[in-house]
Amino acid sequence: VEPKSRGGNKSPYTVLGKTYYVMPSGSGYKERGVASWYGKKF
């Protein structure tokens, strides 16, 4: 159990011209789709 981070939870937020909304809670979240990975550049 952790408190929400002070950073990264602003909702809505915009990246590359598209707007996204942060869910108030992850409870019940389940989704299928494509995963990618990120590495040394970051």
PDB file of all heavy atoms in Angstrom:
ATOM      1  N   VAL A   1       0.844  -1.195   0.000  1.00  0.00           N
ATOM      2  CA  VAL A   1       0.000   0.000   0.000  1.00  0.00           C
ATOM      3  C   VAL A   1       0.879   1.243   0.000  1.00  0.00           C
ATOM      4  O   VAL A   1       1.750   1.401   0.854  1.00  0.00           O
ATOM      5  CB  VAL A   1      -0.939   0.000   1.222  1.00  0.00           C
ATOM      6  CG1 VAL A   1      -1.783   1.272   1.242  1.00  0.00           C
ATOM      7  CG2 VAL A   1      -1.830  -1.237   1.203  1.00  0.00           C
ATOM      8  N   GLU A   2       0.686   2.114  -0.971  1.00  0.00           N
ATOM      9  CA  GLU A   2       1.454   3.347  -1.098  1.00  0.00           C
ATOM     10  C   GLU A   2       0.515   4.505  -1.414  1.00  0.00           C
ATOM     11  O   GLU A   2      -0.502   4.317  -2.079  1.00  0.00           O
ATOM     12  CB  GLU A   2       2.477   3.247  -2.235  1.00  0.00           C
ATOM     13  CG  GLU A   2       3.531   2.185  -2.093  1.00  0.00           C
ATOM     14  CD  GLU A   2       4.512   2.234  -3.243  1.00  0.00           C
ATOM     15  OE1 GLU A   2       5.303   3.199  -3.315  1.00  0.00           O
ATOM     16  OE2 GLU A   2       4.490   1.318  -4.082  1.00  0.00           O
ATOM     17  N   PRO A   3       0.861   5.708  -0.983  1.00  0.00           N
ATOM     18  CA  PRO A   3       0.071   6.878  -1.399  1.00  0.00           C
ATOM     19  C   PRO A   3       0.339   7.182  -2.866  1.00  0.00           C
ATOM     20  O   PRO A   3       1.370   6.789  -3.422  1.00  0.00           O
ATOM     21  CB  PRO A   3       0.603   7.997  -0.500  1.00  0.00           C
ATOM     22  CG  PRO A   3       2.006   7.573  -0.169  1.00  0.00           C
ATOM     23  CD  PRO A   3       1.967   6.072  -0.078  1.00  0.00           C
ATOM     24  N   LYS A   4      -0.581   7.879  -3.501  1.00  0.00           N
ATOM     25  CA  LYS A   4      -0.358   8.272  -4.884  1.00  0.00           C
ATOM     26  C   LYS A   4       0.832   9.221  -4.978  1.00  0.00           C
ATOM     27  O   LYS A   4       1.070  10.043  -4.093  1.00  0.00           O
ATOM     28  CB  LYS A   4      -1.612   8.954  -5.447  1.00  0.00           C
ATOM     29  CG  LYS A   4      -2.777   8.016  -5.704  1.00  0.00           C
ATOM     30  CD  LYS A   4      -3.944   8.758  -6.347  1.00  0.00           C
ATOM     31  CE  LYS A   4      -5.110   7.823  -6.606  1.00  0.00           C
ATOM     32  NZ  LYS A   4      -6.256   8.531  -7.232  1.00  0.00           N
ATOM     33  N   SER A   5       1.578   9.090  -6.042  1.00  0.00           N
ATOM     34  CA  SER A   5       2.742   9.943  -6.254  1.00  0.00           C
ATOM     35  C   SER A   5       2.306  11.393  -6.462  1.00  0.00           C
ATOM     36  O   SER A   5       1.235  11.663  -7.022  1.00  0.00           O
ATOM     37  CB  SER A   5       3.526   9.477  -7.473  1.00  0.00           C
ATOM     38  OG  SER A   5       3.914   8.134  -7.350  1.00  0.00           O
ATOM     39  N   ARG A   6       3.144  12.305  -6.030  1.00  0.00           N
ATOM     40  CA  ARG A   6       2.853  13.720  -6.236  1.00  0.00           C
ATOM     41  C   ARG A   6       2.959  14.073  -7.713  1.00  0.00           C
ATOM     42  O   ARG A   6       2.311  14.979  -8.198  1.00  0.00           O
ATOM     43  CB  ARG A   6       3.814  14.579  -5.414  1.00  0.00           C
ATOM     44  CG  ARG A   6       3.664  14.391  -3.924  1.00  0.00           C
ATOM     45  CD  ARG A   6       4.594  15.308  -3.147  1.00  0.00           C
ATOM     46  NE  ARG A   6       4.276  16.712  -3.331  1.00  0.00           N
ATOM     47  CZ  ARG A   6       4.936  17.708  -2.762  1.00  0.00           C
ATOM     48  NH1 ARG A   6       5.976  17.429  -1.977  1.00  0.00           N
ATOM     49  NH2 ARG A   6       4.598  18.962  -2.970  1.00  0.00           N
ATOM     50  N   GLY A   7       3.819  13.346  -8.422  1.00  0.00           N
ATOM     51  CA  GLY A   7       3.986  13.584  -9.852  1.00  0.00           C
ATOM     52  C   GLY A   7       3.366  12.465 -10.667  1.00  0.00           C
ATOM     53  O   GLY A   7       3.276  11.325 -10.226  1.00  0.00           O
ATOM     54  N   GLY A   8       2.916  12.806 -11.877  1.00  0.00           N
ATOM     55  CA  GLY A   8       2.441  11.800 -12.812  1.00  0.00           C
ATOM     56  C   GLY A   8       0.977  11.456 -12.720  1.00  0.00           C
ATOM     57  O   GLY A   8       0.499  10.601 -13.471  1.00  0.00           O
ATOM     58  N   ASN A   9       0.224  12.088 -11.812  1.00  0.00           N
ATOM     59  CA  ASN A   9      -1.189  11.758 -11.652  1.00  0.00           C
ATOM     60  C   ASN A   9      -2.127  12.887 -12.064  1.00  0.00           C
ATOM     61  O   ASN A   9      -3.326  12.830 -11.768  1.00  0.00           O
ATOM     62  CB  ASN A   9      -1.471  11.353 -10.195  1.00  0.00           C
ATOM     63  CG  ASN A   9      -0.982   9.943  -9.898  1.00  0.00           C
ATOM     64  OD1 ASN A   9      -1.305   9.002 -10.625  1.00  0.00           O
ATOM     65  ND2 ASN A   9      -0.187   9.790  -8.847  1.00  0.00           N
ATOM     66  N   LYS A  10      -1.595  13.886 -12.744  1.00  0.00           N
ATOM     67  CA  LYS A  10      -2.453  14.967 -13.236  1.00  0.00           C
ATOM     68  C   LYS A  10      -3.434  14.412 -14.265  1.00  0.00           C
ATOM     69  O   LYS A  10      -3.056  13.636 -15.141  1.00  0.00           O
ATOM     70  CB  LYS A  10      -1.599  16.064 -13.866  1.00  0.00           C
ATOM     71  CG  LYS A  10      -2.418  17.215 -14.434  1.00  0.00           C
ATOM     72  CD  LYS A  10      -1.522  18.226 -15.122  1.00  0.00           C
ATOM     73  CE  LYS A  10      -2.363  19.336 -15.759  1.00  0.00           C
ATOM     74  NZ  LYS A  10      -1.517  20.321 -16.478  1.00  0.00           N
ATOM     75  N   SER A  11      -4.688  14.800 -14.150  1.00  0.00           N
ATOM     76  CA  SER A  11      -5.704  14.317 -15.074  1.00  0.00           C
ATOM     77  C   SER A  11      -6.679  15.443 -15.412  1.00  0.00           C
ATOM     78  O   SER A  11      -7.186  16.120 -14.501  1.00  0.00           O
ATOM     79  CB  SER A  11      -6.469  13.144 -14.464  1.00  0.00           C
ATOM     80  OG  SER A  11      -7.407  12.605 -15.371  1.00  0.00           O
ATOM     81  N   PRO A  12      -6.929  15.691 -16.708  1.00  0.00           N
ATOM     82  CA  PRO A  12      -6.312  15.010 -17.849  1.00  0.00           C
ATOM     83  C   PRO A  12      -4.917  15.561 -18.123  1.00  0.00           C
ATOM     84  O   PRO A  12      -4.517  16.579 -17.562  1.00  0.00           O
ATOM     85  CB  PRO A  12      -7.277  15.332 -18.994  1.00  0.00           C
ATOM     86  CG  PRO A  12      -7.825  16.685 -18.620  1.00  0.00           C
ATOM     87  CD  PRO A  12      -7.953  16.668 -17.119  1.00  0.00           C
ATOM     88  N   TYR A  13      -4.184  14.889 -19.014  1.00  0.00           N
ATOM     89  CA  TYR A  13      -2.887  15.371 -19.464  1.00  0.00           C
ATOM     90  C   TYR A  13      -2.784  15.101 -20.965  1.00  0.00           C
ATOM     91  O   TYR A  13      -3.510  14.266 -21.512  1.00  0.00           O
ATOM     92  CB  TYR A  13      -1.736  14.706 -18.693  1.00  0.00           C
ATOM     93  CG  TYR A  13      -1.584  13.221 -18.949  1.00  0.00           C
ATOM     94  CD1 TYR A  13      -0.679  12.740 -19.890  1.00  0.00           C
ATOM     95  CD2 TYR A  13      -2.338  12.280 -18.230  1.00  0.00           C
ATOM     96  CE1 TYR A  13      -0.532  11.379 -20.118  1.00  0.00           C
ATOM     97  CE2 TYR A  13      -2.190  10.926 -18.445  1.00  0.00           C
ATOM     98  CZ  TYR A  13      -1.284  10.470 -19.397  1.00  0.00           C
ATOM     99  OH  TYR A  13      -1.144   9.124 -19.624  1.00  0.00           O
ATOM    100  N   THR A  14      -1.908  15.824 -21.620  1.00  0.00           N
ATOM    101  CA  THR A  14      -1.802  15.728 -23.074  1.00  0.00           C
ATOM    102  C   THR A  14      -0.382  15.383 -23.489  1.00  0.00           C
ATOM    103  O   THR A  14       0.586  15.975 -22.994  1.00  0.00           O
ATOM    104  CB  THR A  14      -2.215  17.057 -23.740  1.00  0.00           C
ATOM    105  OG1 THR A  14      -3.556  17.386 -23.339  1.00  0.00           O
ATOM    106  CG2 THR A  14      -2.154  16.958 -25.249  1.00  0.00           C
ATOM    107  N   VAL A  15      -0.254  14.408 -24.378  1.00  0.00           N
ATOM    108  CA  VAL A  15       1.039  14.014 -24.941  1.00  0.00           C
ATOM    109  C   VAL A  15       0.881  13.878 -26.446  1.00  0.00           C
ATOM    110  O   VAL A  15      -0.047  13.207 -26.927  1.00  0.00           O
ATOM    111  CB  VAL A  15       1.534  12.678 -24.342  1.00  0.00           C
ATOM    112  CG1 VAL A  15       2.822  12.231 -25.041  1.00  0.00           C
ATOM    113  CG2 VAL A  15       1.768  12.805 -22.851  1.00  0.00           C
ATOM    114  N   LEU A  16       1.764  14.566 -27.196  1.00  0.00           N
ATOM    115  CA  LEU A  16       1.744  14.506 -28.661  1.00  0.00           C
ATOM    116  C   LEU A  16       0.359  14.816 -29.221  1.00  0.00           C
ATOM    117  O   LEU A  16      -0.114  14.179 -30.169  1.00  0.00           O
ATOM    118  CB  LEU A  16       2.231  13.134 -29.144  1.00  0.00           C
ATOM    119  CG  LEU A  16       3.665  12.746 -28.738  1.00  0.00           C
ATOM    120  CD1 LEU A  16       4.006  11.360 -29.248  1.00  0.00           C
ATOM    121  CD2 LEU A  16       4.660  13.772 -29.274  1.00  0.00           C
ATOM    122  N   GLY A  17      -0.297  15.795 -28.598  1.00  0.00           N
ATOM    123  CA  GLY A  17      -1.572  16.263 -29.110  1.00  0.00           C
ATOM    124  C   GLY A  17      -2.779  15.443 -28.721  1.00  0.00           C
ATOM    125  O   GLY A  17      -3.909  15.776 -29.109  1.00  0.00           O
ATOM    126  N   LYS A  18      -2.587  14.399 -27.936  1.00  0.00           N
ATOM    127  CA  LYS A  18      -3.706  13.560 -27.518  1.00  0.00           C
ATOM    128  C   LYS A  18      -3.896  13.660 -26.007  1.00  0.00           C
ATOM    129  O   LYS A  18      -2.934  13.702 -25.251  1.00  0.00           O
ATOM    130  CB  LYS A  18      -3.463  12.105 -27.923  1.00  0.00           C
ATOM    131  CG  LYS A  18      -4.668  11.206 -27.685  1.00  0.00           C
ATOM    132  CD  LYS A  18      -4.453   9.816 -28.273  1.00  0.00           C
ATOM    133  CE  LYS A  18      -5.659   8.924 -28.037  1.00  0.00           C
ATOM    134  NZ  LYS A  18      -5.475   7.568 -28.605  1.00  0.00           N
ATOM    135  N   THR A  19      -5.158  13.678 -25.575  1.00  0.00           N
ATOM    136  CA  THR A  19      -5.473  13.846 -24.161  1.00  0.00           C
ATOM    137  C   THR A  19      -5.799  12.512 -23.516  1.00  0.00           C
ATOM    138  O   THR A  19      -6.507  11.677 -24.095  1.00  0.00           O
ATOM    139  CB  THR A  19      -6.669  14.800 -23.988  1.00  0.00           C
ATOM    140  OG1 THR A  19      -6.338  16.075 -24.555  1.00  0.00           O
ATOM    141  CG2 THR A  19      -7.006  14.986 -22.510  1.00  0.00           C
ATOM    142  N   TYR A  20      -5.259  12.322 -22.308  1.00  0.00           N
ATOM    143  CA  TYR A  20      -5.466  11.077 -21.560  1.00  0.00           C
ATOM    144  C   TYR A  20      -6.009  11.406 -20.170  1.00  0.00           C
ATOM    145  O   TYR A  20      -5.740  12.473 -19.624  1.00  0.00           O
ATOM    146  CB  TYR A  20      -4.148  10.305 -21.426  1.00  0.00           C
ATOM    147  CG  TYR A  20      -3.541   9.927 -22.749  1.00  0.00           C
ATOM    148  CD1 TYR A  20      -2.666  10.797 -23.408  1.00  0.00           C
ATOM    149  CD2 TYR A  20      -3.831   8.702 -23.349  1.00  0.00           C
ATOM    150  CE1 TYR A  20      -2.099  10.455 -24.627  1.00  0.00           C
ATOM    151  CE2 TYR A  20      -3.273   8.355 -24.573  1.00  0.00           C
ATOM    152  CZ  TYR A  20      -2.411   9.228 -25.202  1.00  0.00           C
ATOM    153  OH  TYR A  20      -1.866   8.898 -26.414  1.00  0.00           O
ATOM    154  N   TYR A  21      -6.751  10.447 -19.604  1.00  0.00           N
ATOM    155  CA  TYR A  21      -7.344  10.626 -18.282  1.00  0.00           C
ATOM    156  C   TYR A  21      -6.829   9.529 -17.346  1.00  0.00           C
ATOM    157  O   TYR A  21      -6.750   8.346 -17.725  1.00  0.00           O
ATOM    158  CB  TYR A  21      -8.866  10.560 -18.373  1.00  0.00           C
ATOM    159  CG  TYR A  21      -9.455  11.715 -19.146  1.00  0.00           C
ATOM    160  CD1 TYR A  21      -9.560  11.655 -20.528  1.00  0.00           C
ATOM    161  CD2 TYR A  21      -9.884  12.865 -18.492  1.00  0.00           C
ATOM    162  CE1 TYR A  21     -10.091  12.716 -21.246  1.00  0.00           C
ATOM    163  CE2 TYR A  21     -10.422  13.933 -19.200  1.00  0.00           C
ATOM    164  CZ  TYR A  21     -10.510  13.857 -20.584  1.00  0.00           C
ATOM    165  OH  TYR A  21     -11.022  14.919 -21.298  1.00  0.00           O
ATOM    166  N   VAL A  22      -6.479   9.917 -16.126  1.00  0.00           N
ATOM    167  CA  VAL A  22      -5.979   8.978 -15.124  1.00  0.00           C
ATOM    168  C   VAL A  22      -7.155   8.423 -14.325  1.00  0.00           C
ATOM    169  O   VAL A  22      -7.994   9.180 -13.832  1.00  0.00           O
ATOM    170  CB  VAL A  22      -4.982   9.674 -14.173  1.00  0.00           C
ATOM    171  CG1 VAL A  22      -4.507   8.698 -13.095  1.00  0.00           C
ATOM    172  CG2 VAL A  22      -3.787  10.202 -14.968  1.00  0.00           C
ATOM    173  N   MET A  23      -7.191   7.113 -14.185  1.00  0.00           N
ATOM    174  CA  MET A  23      -8.266   6.481 -13.414  1.00  0.00           C
ATOM    175  C   MET A  23      -8.102   6.813 -11.933  1.00  0.00           C
ATOM    176  O   MET A  23      -6.973   6.853 -11.422  1.00  0.00           O
ATOM    177  CB  MET A  23      -8.220   4.958 -13.606  1.00  0.00           C
ATOM    178  CG  MET A  23      -8.514   4.504 -15.026  1.00  0.00           C
ATOM    179  SD  MET A  23      -8.560   2.692 -15.185  1.00  0.00           S
ATOM    180  CE  MET A  23      -6.833   2.301 -14.969  1.00  0.00           C
ATOM    181  N   PRO A  24      -9.205   7.046 -11.223  1.00  0.00           N
ATOM    182  CA  PRO A  24      -9.101   7.322  -9.783  1.00  0.00           C
ATOM    183  C   PRO A  24      -8.572   6.126  -9.005  1.00  0.00           C
ATOM    184  O   PRO A  24      -7.971   6.272  -7.947  1.00  0.00           O
ATOM    185  CB  PRO A  24     -10.539   7.664  -9.382  1.00  0.00           C
ATOM    186  CG  PRO A  24     -11.396   7.051 -10.445  1.00  0.00           C
ATOM    187  CD  PRO A  24     -10.602   7.117 -11.699  1.00  0.00           C
ATOM    188  N   SER A  25      -8.785   4.917  -9.526  1.00  0.00           N
ATOM    189  CA  SER A  25      -8.320   3.699  -8.869  1.00  0.00           C
ATOM    190  C   SER A  25      -8.129   2.619  -9.929  1.00  0.00           C
ATOM    191  O   SER A  25      -8.811   2.621 -10.962  1.00  0.00           O
ATOM    192  CB  SER A  25      -9.346   3.229  -7.828  1.00  0.00           C
ATOM    193  OG  SER A  25      -9.057   1.913  -7.387  1.00  0.00           O
ATOM    194  N   GLY A  26      -7.206   1.711  -9.649  1.00  0.00           N
ATOM    195  CA  GLY A  26      -7.000   0.594 -10.569  1.00  0.00           C
ATOM    196  C   GLY A  26      -7.885  -0.594 -10.256  1.00  0.00           C
ATOM    197  O   GLY A  26      -7.796  -1.630 -10.927  1.00  0.00           O
ATOM    198  N   SER A  27      -8.730  -0.476  -9.249  1.00  0.00           N
ATOM    199  CA  SER A  27      -9.565  -1.589  -8.799  1.00  0.00           C
ATOM    200  C   SER A  27     -10.407  -2.148  -9.952  1.00  0.00           C
ATOM    201  O   SER A  27     -11.138  -1.405 -10.619  1.00  0.00           O
ATOM    202  CB  SER A  27     -10.481  -1.136  -7.661  1.00  0.00           C
ATOM    203  OG  SER A  27     -11.323  -2.188  -7.241  1.00  0.00           O
ATOM    204  N   GLY A  28     -10.292  -3.452 -10.176  1.00  0.00           N
ATOM    205  CA  GLY A  28     -11.079  -4.116 -11.199  1.00  0.00           C
ATOM    206  C   GLY A  28     -10.514  -4.009 -12.605  1.00  0.00           C
ATOM    207  O   GLY A  28     -11.079  -4.585 -13.543  1.00  0.00           O
ATOM    208  N   TYR A  29      -9.397  -3.292 -12.777  1.00  0.00           N
ATOM    209  CA  TYR A  29      -8.840  -3.109 -14.119  1.00  0.00           C
ATOM    210  C   TYR A  29      -8.271  -4.426 -14.646  1.00  0.00           C
ATOM    211  O   TYR A  29      -7.495  -5.105 -13.982  1.00  0.00           O
ATOM    212  CB  TYR A  29      -7.746  -2.052 -14.113  1.00  0.00           C
ATOM    213  CG  TYR A  29      -6.962  -1.979 -15.405  1.00  0.00           C
ATOM    214  CD1 TYR A  29      -7.482  -1.321 -16.514  1.00  0.00           C
ATOM    215  CD2 TYR A  29      -5.714  -2.583 -15.505  1.00  0.00           C
ATOM    216  CE1 TYR A  29      -6.766  -1.260 -17.705  1.00  0.00           C
ATOM    217  CE2 TYR A  29      -4.993  -2.527 -16.690  1.00  0.00           C
ATOM    218  CZ  TYR A  29      -5.528  -1.865 -17.786  1.00  0.00           C
ATOM    219  OH  TYR A  29      -4.813  -1.815 -18.959  1.00  0.00           O
ATOM    220  N   LYS A  30      -8.652  -4.778 -15.861  1.00  0.00           N
ATOM    221  CA  LYS A  30      -8.151  -5.972 -16.530  1.00  0.00           C
ATOM    222  C   LYS A  30      -8.291  -5.734 -18.030  1.00  0.00           C
ATOM    223  O   LYS A  30      -9.371  -5.404 -18.511  1.00  0.00           O
ATOM    224  CB  LYS A  30      -8.934  -7.216 -16.104  1.00  0.00           C
ATOM    225  CG  LYS A  30      -8.334  -8.535 -16.551  1.00  0.00           C
ATOM    226  CD  LYS A  30      -9.127  -9.697 -15.935  1.00  0.00           C
ATOM    227  CE  LYS A  30      -8.493 -11.042 -16.257  1.00  0.00           C
ATOM    228  NZ  LYS A  30      -9.236 -12.157 -15.636  1.00  0.00           N
ATOM    229  N   GLU A  31      -7.204  -5.910 -18.765  1.00  0.00           N
ATOM    230  CA  GLU A  31      -7.232  -5.583 -20.186  1.00  0.00           C
ATOM    231  C   GLU A  31      -6.245  -6.468 -20.934  1.00  0.00           C
ATOM    232  O   GLU A  31      -5.179  -6.830 -20.425  1.00  0.00           O
ATOM    233  CB  GLU A  31      -6.874  -4.104 -20.395  1.00  0.00           C
ATOM    234  CG  GLU A  31      -6.958  -3.638 -21.835  1.00  0.00           C
ATOM    235  CD  GLU A  31      -6.634  -2.157 -21.988  1.00  0.00           C
ATOM    236  OE1 GLU A  31      -6.231  -1.531 -20.988  1.00  0.00           O
ATOM    237  OE2 GLU A  31      -6.788  -1.637 -23.110  1.00  0.00           O
ATOM    238  N   ARG A  32      -6.627  -6.807 -22.165  1.00  0.00           N
ATOM    239  CA  ARG A  32      -5.729  -7.550 -23.046  1.00  0.00           C
ATOM    240  C   ARG A  32      -5.326  -6.654 -24.208  1.00  0.00           C
ATOM    241  O   ARG A  32      -6.128  -5.862 -24.706  1.00  0.00           O
ATOM    242  CB  ARG A  32      -6.401  -8.820 -23.576  1.00  0.00           C
ATOM    243  CG  ARG A  32      -6.593  -9.882 -22.504  1.00  0.00           C
ATOM    244  CD  ARG A  32      -7.036 -11.211 -23.097  1.00  0.00           C
ATOM    245  NE  ARG A  32      -7.056 -12.256 -22.076  1.00  0.00           N
ATOM    246  CZ  ARG A  32      -7.175 -13.554 -22.346  1.00  0.00           C
ATOM    247  NH1 ARG A  32      -7.280 -13.974 -23.609  1.00  0.00           N
ATOM    248  NH2 ARG A  32      -7.171 -14.441 -21.359  1.00  0.00           N
ATOM    249  N   GLY A  33      -4.083  -6.792 -24.615  1.00  0.00           N
ATOM    250  CA  GLY A  33      -3.587  -5.975 -25.712  1.00  0.00           C
ATOM    251  C   GLY A  33      -2.121  -6.252 -25.949  1.00  0.00           C
ATOM    252  O   GLY A  33      -1.589  -7.290 -25.535  1.00  0.00           O
ATOM    253  N   VAL A  34      -1.459  -5.298 -26.580  1.00  0.00           N
ATOM    254  CA  VAL A  34      -0.047  -5.460 -26.952  1.00  0.00           C
ATOM    255  C   VAL A  34       0.843  -4.760 -25.931  1.00  0.00           C
ATOM    256  O   VAL A  34       0.603  -3.606 -25.571  1.00  0.00           O
ATOM    257  CB  VAL A  34       0.215  -4.888 -28.350  1.00  0.00           C
ATOM    258  CG1 VAL A  34       1.700  -4.986 -28.709  1.00  0.00           C
ATOM    259  CG2 VAL A  34      -0.624  -5.635 -29.387  1.00  0.00           C
ATOM    260  N   ALA A  35       1.867  -5.470 -25.461  1.00  0.00           N
ATOM    261  CA  ALA A  35       2.883  -4.891 -24.570  1.00  0.00           C
ATOM    262  C   ALA A  35       4.162  -4.672 -25.357  1.00  0.00           C
ATOM    263  O   ALA A  35       4.498  -5.442 -26.258  1.00  0.00           O
ATOM    264  CB  ALA A  35       3.152  -5.819 -23.388  1.00  0.00           C
ATOM    265  N   SER A  36       4.856  -3.600 -25.026  1.00  0.00           N
ATOM    266  CA  SER A  36       6.190  -3.349 -25.560  1.00  0.00           C
ATOM    267  C   SER A  36       7.133  -3.181 -24.379  1.00  0.00           C
ATOM    268  O   SER A  36       6.723  -3.324 -23.226  1.00  0.00           O
ATOM    269  CB  SER A  36       6.176  -2.096 -26.455  1.00  0.00           C
ATOM    270  OG  SER A  36       5.598  -1.000 -25.772  1.00  0.00           O
ATOM    271  N   TRP A  37       8.396  -2.881 -24.652  1.00  0.00           N
ATOM    272  CA  TRP A  37       9.336  -2.668 -23.547  1.00  0.00           C
ATOM    273  C   TRP A  37      10.261  -1.507 -23.889  1.00  0.00           C
ATOM    274  O   TRP A  37      10.452  -1.165 -25.043  1.00  0.00           O
ATOM    275  CB  TRP A  37      10.124  -3.931 -23.234  1.00  0.00           C
ATOM    276  CG  TRP A  37      11.001  -4.445 -24.350  1.00  0.00           C
ATOM    277  CD1 TRP A  37      10.636  -5.281 -25.370  1.00  0.00           C
ATOM    278  CD2 TRP A  37      12.393  -4.164 -24.559  1.00  0.00           C
ATOM    279  NE1 TRP A  37      11.697  -5.530 -26.186  1.00  0.00           N
ATOM    280  CE2 TRP A  37      12.797  -4.873 -25.716  1.00  0.00           C
ATOM    281  CE3 TRP A  37      13.336  -3.400 -23.877  1.00  0.00           C
ATOM    282  CZ2 TRP A  37      14.099  -4.825 -26.213  1.00  0.00           C
ATOM    283  CZ3 TRP A  37      14.641  -3.357 -24.361  1.00  0.00           C
ATOM    284  CH2 TRP A  37      15.010  -4.068 -25.511  1.00  0.00           C
ATOM    285  N   TYR A  38      10.804  -0.900 -22.845  1.00  0.00           N
ATOM    286  CA  TYR A  38      11.746   0.192 -23.051  1.00  0.00           C
ATOM    287  C   TYR A  38      12.987  -0.027 -22.203  1.00  0.00           C
ATOM    288  O   TYR A  38      12.927  -0.621 -21.139  1.00  0.00           O
ATOM    289  CB  TYR A  38      11.110   1.555 -22.832  1.00  0.00           C
ATOM    290  CG  TYR A  38      10.545   1.903 -21.468  1.00  0.00           C
ATOM    291  CD1 TYR A  38      10.872   3.120 -20.875  1.00  0.00           C
ATOM    292  CD2 TYR A  38       9.653   1.072 -20.794  1.00  0.00           C
ATOM    293  CE1 TYR A  38      10.339   3.497 -19.647  1.00  0.00           C
ATOM    294  CE2 TYR A  38       9.110   1.443 -19.575  1.00  0.00           C
ATOM    295  CZ  TYR A  38       9.465   2.650 -19.008  1.00  0.00           C
ATOM    296  OH  TYR A  38       8.949   3.020 -17.787  1.00  0.00           O
ATOM    297  N   GLY A  39      14.129   0.426 -22.723  1.00  0.00           N
ATOM    298  CA  GLY A  39      15.390   0.036 -22.110  1.00  0.00           C
ATOM    299  C   GLY A  39      16.416   1.134 -21.950  1.00  0.00           C
ATOM    300  O   GLY A  39      16.200   2.135 -21.266  1.00  0.00           O
ATOM    301  N   LYS A  40      17.537   0.959 -22.637  1.00  0.00           N
ATOM    302  CA  LYS A  40      18.733   1.737 -22.335  1.00  0.00           C
ATOM    303  C   LYS A  40      18.599   3.221 -22.642  1.00  0.00           C
ATOM    304  O   LYS A  40      19.221   4.056 -21.991  1.00  0.00           O
ATOM    305  CB  LYS A  40      19.923   1.154 -23.106  1.00  0.00           C
ATOM    306  CG  LYS A  40      21.277   1.497 -22.506  1.00  0.00           C
ATOM    307  CD  LYS A  40      22.372   0.640 -23.100  1.00  0.00           C
ATOM    308  CE  LYS A  40      23.697   0.897 -22.406  1.00  0.00           C
ATOM    309  NZ  LYS A  40      24.765   0.029 -22.942  1.00  0.00           N
ATOM    310  N   LYS A  41      17.784   3.553 -23.632  1.00  0.00           N
ATOM    311  CA  LYS A  41      17.639   4.966 -23.989  1.00  0.00           C
ATOM    312  C   LYS A  41      17.059   5.780 -22.833  1.00  0.00           C
ATOM    313  O   LYS A  41      17.311   6.975 -22.700  1.00  0.00           O
ATOM    314  CB  LYS A  41      16.751   5.103 -25.228  1.00  0.00           C
ATOM    315  CG  LYS A  41      16.663   6.529 -25.755  1.00  0.00           C
ATOM    316  CD  LYS A  41      15.952   6.580 -27.076  1.00  0.00           C
ATOM    317  CE  LYS A  41      16.780   6.000 -28.191  1.00  0.00           C
ATOM    318  NZ  LYS A  41      17.969   6.821 -28.516  1.00  0.00           N
ATOM    319  N   PHE A  42      16.278   5.127 -21.968  1.00  0.00           N
ATOM    320  CA  PHE A  42      15.636   5.822 -20.856  1.00  0.00           C
ATOM    321  C   PHE A  42      16.243   5.450 -19.508  1.00  0.00           C
ATOM    322  O   PHE A  42      15.853   6.007 -18.492  1.00  0.00           O
ATOM    323  CB  PHE A  42      14.139   5.496 -20.841  1.00  0.00           C
ATOM    324  CG  PHE A  42      13.466   5.763 -22.149  1.00  0.00           C
ATOM    325  CD1 PHE A  42      12.837   4.742 -22.851  1.00  0.00           C
ATOM    326  CD2 PHE A  42      13.478   7.029 -22.704  1.00  0.00           C
ATOM    327  CE1 PHE A  42      12.222   4.988 -24.066  1.00  0.00           C
ATOM    328  CE2 PHE A  42      12.867   7.292 -23.921  1.00  0.00           C
ATOM    329  CZ  PHE A  42      12.237   6.271 -24.607  1.00  0.00           C
TER     330      PHE A  42
END
